[in-house]
PDB file of N, CA and C in Angstrom:
ATOM      1  N   MET A   1       0.825  -1.184   0.000  1.00  0.00           N
ATOM      2  CA  MET A   1       0.000   0.000   0.000  1.00  0.00           C
ATOM      3  C   MET A   1       0.876   1.257   0.000  1.00  0.00           C
ATOM      4  N   GLU A   2       1.907   1.219   0.822  1.00  0.00           N
ATOM      5  CA  GLU A   2       2.806   2.382   0.860  1.00  0.00           C
ATOM      6  C   GLU A   2       3.440   2.628  -0.499  1.00  0.00           C
ATOM      7  N   ILE A   3       3.872   1.551  -1.119  1.00  0.00           N
ATOM      8  CA  ILE A   3       4.538   1.680  -2.416  1.00  0.00           C
ATOM      9  C   ILE A   3       3.591   2.287  -3.437  1.00  0.00           C
ATOM     10  N   LEU A   4       2.338   1.850  -3.402  1.00  0.00           N
ATOM     11  CA  LEU A   4       1.345   2.381  -4.330  1.00  0.00           C
ATOM     12  C   LEU A   4       1.136   3.878  -4.107  1.00  0.00           C
ATOM     13  N   LEU A   5       0.994   4.288  -2.864  1.00  0.00           N
ATOM     14  CA  LEU A   5       0.769   5.706  -2.569  1.00  0.00           C
ATOM     15  C   LEU A   5       1.981   6.562  -2.927  1.00  0.00           C
ATOM     16  N   VAL A   6       3.164   6.079  -2.626  1.00  0.00           N
ATOM     17  CA  VAL A   6       4.374   6.831  -2.977  1.00  0.00           C
ATOM     18  C   VAL A   6       4.522   6.902  -4.497  1.00  0.00           C
ATOM     19  N   SER A   7       4.213   5.803  -5.180  1.00  0.00           N
ATOM     20  CA  SER A   7       4.281   5.796  -6.646  1.00  0.00           C
ATOM     21  C   SER A   7       3.283   6.781  -7.247  1.00  0.00           C
ATOM     22  N   LEU A   8       2.068   6.781  -6.725  1.00  0.00           N
ATOM     23  CA  LEU A   8       1.071   7.735  -7.214  1.00  0.00           C
ATOM     24  C   LEU A   8       1.510   9.169  -6.938  1.00  0.00           C
ATOM     25  N   GLY A   9       2.124   9.386  -5.797  1.00  0.00           N
ATOM     26  CA  GLY A   9       2.655  10.713  -5.491  1.00  0.00           C
ATOM     27  C   GLY A   9       3.702  11.141  -6.501  1.00  0.00           C
ATOM     28  N   ALA A  10       4.543  10.214  -6.909  1.00  0.00           N
ATOM     29  CA  ALA A  10       5.574  10.524  -7.904  1.00  0.00           C
ATOM     30  C   ALA A  10       4.950  10.768  -9.276  1.00  0.00           C
ATOM     31  N   ILE A  11       3.959   9.952  -9.636  1.00  0.00           N
ATOM     32  CA  ILE A  11       3.305  10.104 -10.940  1.00  0.00           C
ATOM     33  C   ILE A  11       2.617  11.462 -11.053  1.00  0.00           C
ATOM     34  N   PHE A  12       1.945  11.866  -9.977  1.00  0.00           N
ATOM     35  CA  PHE A  12       1.224  13.138  -9.990  1.00  0.00           C
ATOM     36  C   PHE A  12       2.089  14.317  -9.541  1.00  0.00           C
ATOM     37  N   LYS A  13       3.394  14.093  -9.479  1.00  0.00           N
ATOM     38  CA  LYS A  13       4.369  15.141  -9.146  1.00  0.00           C
ATOM     39  C   LYS A  13       4.152  15.738  -7.756  1.00  0.00           C
ATOM     40  N   LEU A  14       3.635  14.935  -6.831  1.00  0.00           N
ATOM     41  CA  LEU A  14       3.500  15.371  -5.445  1.00  0.00           C
ATOM     42  C   LEU A  14       4.782  15.092  -4.669  1.00  0.00           C
ATOM     43  N   VAL A  15       5.559  14.139  -5.170  1.00  0.00           N
ATOM     44  CA  VAL A  15       6.836  13.769  -4.560  1.00  0.00           C
ATOM     45  C   VAL A  15       7.916  14.062  -5.597  1.00  0.00           C
ATOM     46  N   ASN A  16       8.833  14.958  -5.250  1.00  0.00           N
ATOM     47  CA  ASN A  16       9.834  15.399  -6.222  1.00  0.00           C
ATOM     48  C   ASN A  16      11.236  14.870  -5.960  1.00  0.00           C
ATOM     49  N   SER A  17      11.457  14.270  -4.795  1.00  0.00           N
ATOM     50  CA  SER A  17      12.799  13.774  -4.496  1.00  0.00           C
ATOM     51  C   SER A  17      12.696  12.525  -3.629  1.00  0.00           C
ATOM     52  N   ALA A  18      13.825  11.866  -3.479  1.00  0.00           N
ATOM     53  CA  ALA A  18      13.857  10.650  -2.659  1.00  0.00           C
ATOM     54  C   ALA A  18      13.544  10.968  -1.203  1.00  0.00           C
ATOM     55  N   SER A  19      14.029  12.107  -0.728  1.00  0.00           N
ATOM     56  CA  SER A  19      13.765  12.466   0.673  1.00  0.00           C
ATOM     57  C   SER A  19      12.273  12.718   0.899  1.00  0.00           C
ATOM     58  N   GLU A  20      11.604  13.325  -0.066  1.00  0.00           N
ATOM     59  CA  GLU A  20      10.156  13.526   0.053  1.00  0.00           C
ATOM     60  C   GLU A  20       9.422  12.191   0.025  1.00  0.00           C
ATOM     61  N   ALA A  21       9.896  11.258  -0.784  1.00  0.00           N
ATOM     62  CA  ALA A  21       9.284   9.930  -0.842  1.00  0.00           C
ATOM     63  C   ALA A  21       9.451   9.207   0.490  1.00  0.00           C
ATOM     64  N   ILE A  22      10.614   9.348   1.094  1.00  0.00           N
ATOM     65  CA  ILE A  22      10.859   8.714   2.395  1.00  0.00           C
ATOM     66  C   ILE A  22       9.965   9.329   3.465  1.00  0.00           C
ATOM     67  N   VAL A  23       9.847  10.650   3.453  1.00  0.00           N
ATOM     68  CA  VAL A  23       8.983  11.326   4.429  1.00  0.00           C
ATOM     69  C   VAL A  23       7.534  10.883   4.240  1.00  0.00           C
ATOM     70  N   LEU A  24       7.081  10.810   3.003  1.00  0.00           N
ATOM     71  CA  LEU A  24       5.716  10.356   2.727  1.00  0.00           C
ATOM     72  C   LEU A  24       5.517   8.925   3.211  1.00  0.00           C
ATOM     73  N   ALA A  25       6.482   8.054   2.946  1.00  0.00           N
ATOM     74  CA  ALA A  25       6.386   6.662   3.394  1.00  0.00           C
ATOM     75  C   ALA A  25       6.336   6.582   4.920  1.00  0.00           C
ATOM     76  N   LEU A  26       7.134   7.394   5.596  1.00  0.00           N
ATOM     77  CA  LEU A  26       7.119   7.404   7.065  1.00  0.00           C
ATOM     78  C   LEU A  26       5.788   7.920   7.606  1.00  0.00           C
ATOM     79  N   GLN A  27       5.228   8.935   6.959  1.00  0.00           N
ATOM     80  CA  GLN A  27       3.925   9.444   7.380  1.00  0.00           C
ATOM     81  C   GLN A  27       2.841   8.380   7.212  1.00  0.00           C
ATOM     82  N   ILE A  28       2.874   7.684   6.103  1.00  0.00           N
ATOM     83  CA  ILE A  28       1.900   6.617   5.855  1.00  0.00           C
ATOM     84  C   ILE A  28       2.058   5.520   6.896  1.00  0.00           C
ATOM     85  N   ALA A  29       3.299   5.133   7.188  1.00  0.00           N
ATOM     86  CA  ALA A  29       3.554   4.084   8.179  1.00  0.00           C
ATOM     87  C   ALA A  29       3.075   4.512   9.561  1.00  0.00           C
ATOM     88  N   LEU A  30       3.296   5.764   9.918  1.00  0.00           N
ATOM     89  CA  LEU A  30       2.854   6.268  11.219  1.00  0.00           C
ATOM     90  C   LEU A  30       1.332   6.250  11.332  1.00  0.00           C
ATOM     91  N   ILE A  31       0.658   6.708  10.303  1.00  0.00           N
ATOM     92  CA  ILE A  31      -0.808   6.692  10.314  1.00  0.00           C
ATOM     93  C   ILE A  31      -1.318   5.261  10.401  1.00  0.00           C
ATOM     94  N   TYR A  32      -0.717   4.348   9.634  1.00  0.00           N
ATOM     95  CA  TYR A  32      -1.109   2.940   9.676  1.00  0.00           C
ATOM     96  C   TYR A  32      -0.927   2.379  11.085  1.00  0.00           C
ATOM     97  N   PHE A  33       0.210   2.676  11.705  1.00  0.00           N
ATOM     98  CA  PHE A  33       0.491   2.188  13.050  1.00  0.00           C
ATOM     99  C   PHE A  33      -0.525   2.722  14.054  1.00  0.00           C
ATOM    100  N   LEU A  34      -0.838   4.007  13.972  1.00  0.00           N
ATOM    101  CA  LEU A  34      -1.805   4.601  14.903  1.00  0.00           C
ATOM    102  C   LEU A  34      -3.192   3.983  14.744  1.00  0.00           C
ATOM    103  N   ILE A  35      -3.601   3.756  13.513  1.00  0.00           N
ATOM    104  CA  ILE A  35      -4.904   3.134  13.276  1.00  0.00           C
ATOM    105  C   ILE A  35      -4.923   1.716  13.820  1.00  0.00           C
ATOM    106  N   ARG A  36      -3.851   0.964  13.594  1.00  0.00           N
ATOM    107  CA  ARG A  36      -3.778  -0.406  14.120  1.00  0.00           C
ATOM    108  C   ARG A  36      -3.802  -0.410  15.643  1.00  0.00           C
ATOM    109  N   LEU A  37      -3.119   0.542  16.263  1.00  0.00           N
ATOM    110  CA  LEU A  37      -3.096   0.643  17.717  1.00  0.00           C
ATOM    111  C   LEU A  37      -4.488   0.941  18.263  1.00  0.00           C
ATOM    112  N   LEU A  38      -5.176   1.900  17.668  1.00  0.00           N
ATOM    113  CA  LEU A  38      -6.531   2.232  18.109  1.00  0.00           C
ATOM    114  C   LEU A  38      -7.483   1.065  17.894  1.00  0.00           C
ATOM    115  N   SER A  39      -7.334   0.380  16.788  1.00  0.00           N
ATOM    116  CA  SER A  39      -8.169  -0.787  16.504  1.00  0.00           C
ATOM    117  C   SER A  39      -7.906  -1.891  17.517  1.00  0.00           C
ATOM    118  N   TRP A  40      -6.638  -2.103  17.861  1.00  0.00           N
ATOM    119  CA  TRP A  40      -6.287  -3.130  18.841  1.00  0.00           C
ATOM    120  C   TRP A  40      -6.885  -2.801  20.199  1.00  0.00           C
ATOM    121  N   GLN A  41      -6.825  -1.524  20.587  1.00  0.00           N
ATOM    122  CA  GLN A  41      -7.392  -1.126  21.875  1.00  0.00           C
ATOM    123  C   GLN A  41      -8.900  -1.350  21.897  1.00  0.00           C
ATOM    124  N   ARG A  42      -9.576  -1.022  20.812  1.00  0.00           N
ATOM    125  CA  ARG A  42     -11.021  -1.232  20.735  1.00  0.00           C
ATOM    126  C   ARG A  42     -11.350  -2.725  20.781  1.00  0.00           C
ATOM    127  N   ASP A  43     -10.591  -3.516  20.045  1.00  0.00           N
ATOM    128  CA  ASP A  43     -10.818  -4.958  20.039  1.00  0.00           C
ATOM    129  C   ASP A  43     -10.565  -5.564  21.414  1.00  0.00           C
ATOM    130  N   LYS A  44      -9.559  -5.059  22.109  1.00  0.00           N
ATOM    131  CA  LYS A  44      -9.256  -5.540  23.458  1.00  0.00           C
ATOM    132  C   LYS A  44     -10.423  -5.239  24.397  1.00  0.00           C
ATOM    133  N   LYS A  45     -10.982  -4.051  24.275  1.00  0.00           N
ATOM    134  CA  LYS A  45     -12.131  -3.663  25.096  1.00  0.00           C
ATOM    135  C   LYS A  45     -13.336  -4.550  24.778  1.00  0.00           C
ATOM    136  N   ASP A  46     -13.580  -4.792  23.492  1.00  0.00           N
ATOM    137  CA  ASP A  46     -14.691  -5.658  23.089  1.00  0.00           C
ATOM    138  C   ASP A  46     -14.504  -7.075  23.622  1.00  0.00           C
ATOM    139  N   ALA A  47     -13.283  -7.588  23.543  1.00  0.00           N
ATOM    140  CA  ALA A  47     -13.003  -8.938  24.036  1.00  0.00           C
ATOM    141  C   ALA A  47     -13.227  -9.019  25.540  1.00  0.00           C
ATOM    142  N   GLN A  48     -12.848  -7.979  26.251  1.00  0.00           N
ATOM    143  CA  GLN A  48     -13.049  -7.959  27.701  1.00  0.00           C
ATOM    144  C   GLN A  48     -14.543  -7.977  28.030  1.00  0.00           C
ATOM    145  N   GLN A  49     -15.335  -7.218  27.298  1.00  0.00           N
ATOM    146  CA  GLN A  49     -16.782  -7.209  27.525  1.00  0.00           C
ATOM    147  C   GLN A  49     -17.393  -8.573  27.227  1.00  0.00           C
ATOM    148  N   ILE A  50     -16.955  -9.202  26.159  1.00  0.00           N
ATOM    149  CA  ILE A  50     -17.460 -10.532  25.812  1.00  0.00           C
ATOM    150  C   ILE A  50     -17.092 -11.531  26.896  1.00  0.00           C
ATOM    151  N   ASN A  51     -15.848 -11.468  27.378  1.00  0.00           N
ATOM    152  CA  ASN A  51     -15.420 -12.387  28.435  1.00  0.00           C
ATOM    153  C   ASN A  51     -16.228 -12.192  29.710  1.00  0.00           C
ATOM    154  N   GLU A  52     -16.536 -10.946  30.054  1.00  0.00           N
ATOM    155  CA  GLU A  52     -17.348 -10.690  31.242  1.00  0.00           C
ATOM    156  C   GLU A  52     -18.748 -11.278  31.081  1.00  0.00           C
ATOM    157  N   LYS A  53     -19.328 -11.124  29.902  1.00  0.00           N
ATOM    158  CA  LYS A  53     -20.657 -11.681  29.647  1.00  0.00           C
ATOM    159  C   LYS A  53     -20.619 -13.204  29.685  1.00  0.00           C
ATOM    160  N   LEU A  54     -19.552 -13.793  29.161  1.00  0.00           N
ATOM    161  CA  LEU A  54     -19.424 -15.252  29.197  1.00  0.00           C
ATOM    162  C   LEU A  54     -19.283 -15.756  30.630  1.00  0.00           C
ATOM    163  N   LYS A  55     -18.528 -15.047  31.451  1.00  0.00           N
ATOM    164  CA  LYS A  55     -18.382 -15.435  32.856  1.00  0.00           C
ATOM    165  C   LYS A  55     -19.721 -15.341  33.573  1.00  0.00           C
ATOM    166  N   ALA A  56     -20.473 -14.276  33.304  1.00  0.00           N
ATOM    167  CA  ALA A  56     -21.791 -14.119  33.923  1.00  0.00           C
ATOM    168  C   ALA A  56     -22.725 -15.224  33.456  1.00  0.00           C
ATOM    169  N   PHE A  57     -22.670 -15.563  32.193  1.00  0.00           N
ATOM    170  CA  PHE A  57     -23.506 -16.634  31.648  1.00  0.00           C
ATOM    171  C   PHE A  57     -23.126 -17.975  32.260  1.00  0.00           C
ATOM    172  N   LYS A  58     -21.834 -18.196  32.440  1.00  0.00           N
ATOM    173  CA  LYS A  58     -21.353 -19.452  33.018  1.00  0.00           C
ATOM    174  C   LYS A  58     -21.822 -19.592  34.467  1.00  0.00           C
ATOM    175  N   LYS A  59     -21.874 -18.495  35.212  1.00  0.00           N
ATOM    176  CA  LYS A  59     -22.342 -18.536  36.597  1.00  0.00           C
ATOM    177  C   LYS A  59     -23.828 -18.871  36.667  1.00  0.00           C
ATOM    178  N   GLU A  60     -24.594 -18.441  35.674  1.00  0.00           N
ATOM    179  CA  GLU A  60     -26.031 -18.703  35.655  1.00  0.00           C
ATOM    180  C   GLU A  60     -26.333 -20.177  35.427  1.00  0.00           C
ATOM    181  N   ILE A  61     -25.457 -20.851  34.731  1.00  0.00           N
ATOM    182  CA  ILE A  61     -25.693 -22.264  34.401  1.00  0.00           C
ATOM    183  C   ILE A  61     -25.348 -23.137  35.526  1.00  0.00           C
TER     184      ILE A  61
END
């Protein structure tokens, strides 16, 4: 995905040098990492809620 975005940046003349391409790639990687981190935190919270409901259900049985 990064390669595609950097390539498109070069094609559309948004990236004019190797250093700009590296900066763009780092920005993309940082955004990807932040989104994955937020998604992981949300998934962890959801899993905790499911586990609590399963424990409550298990106690009822």
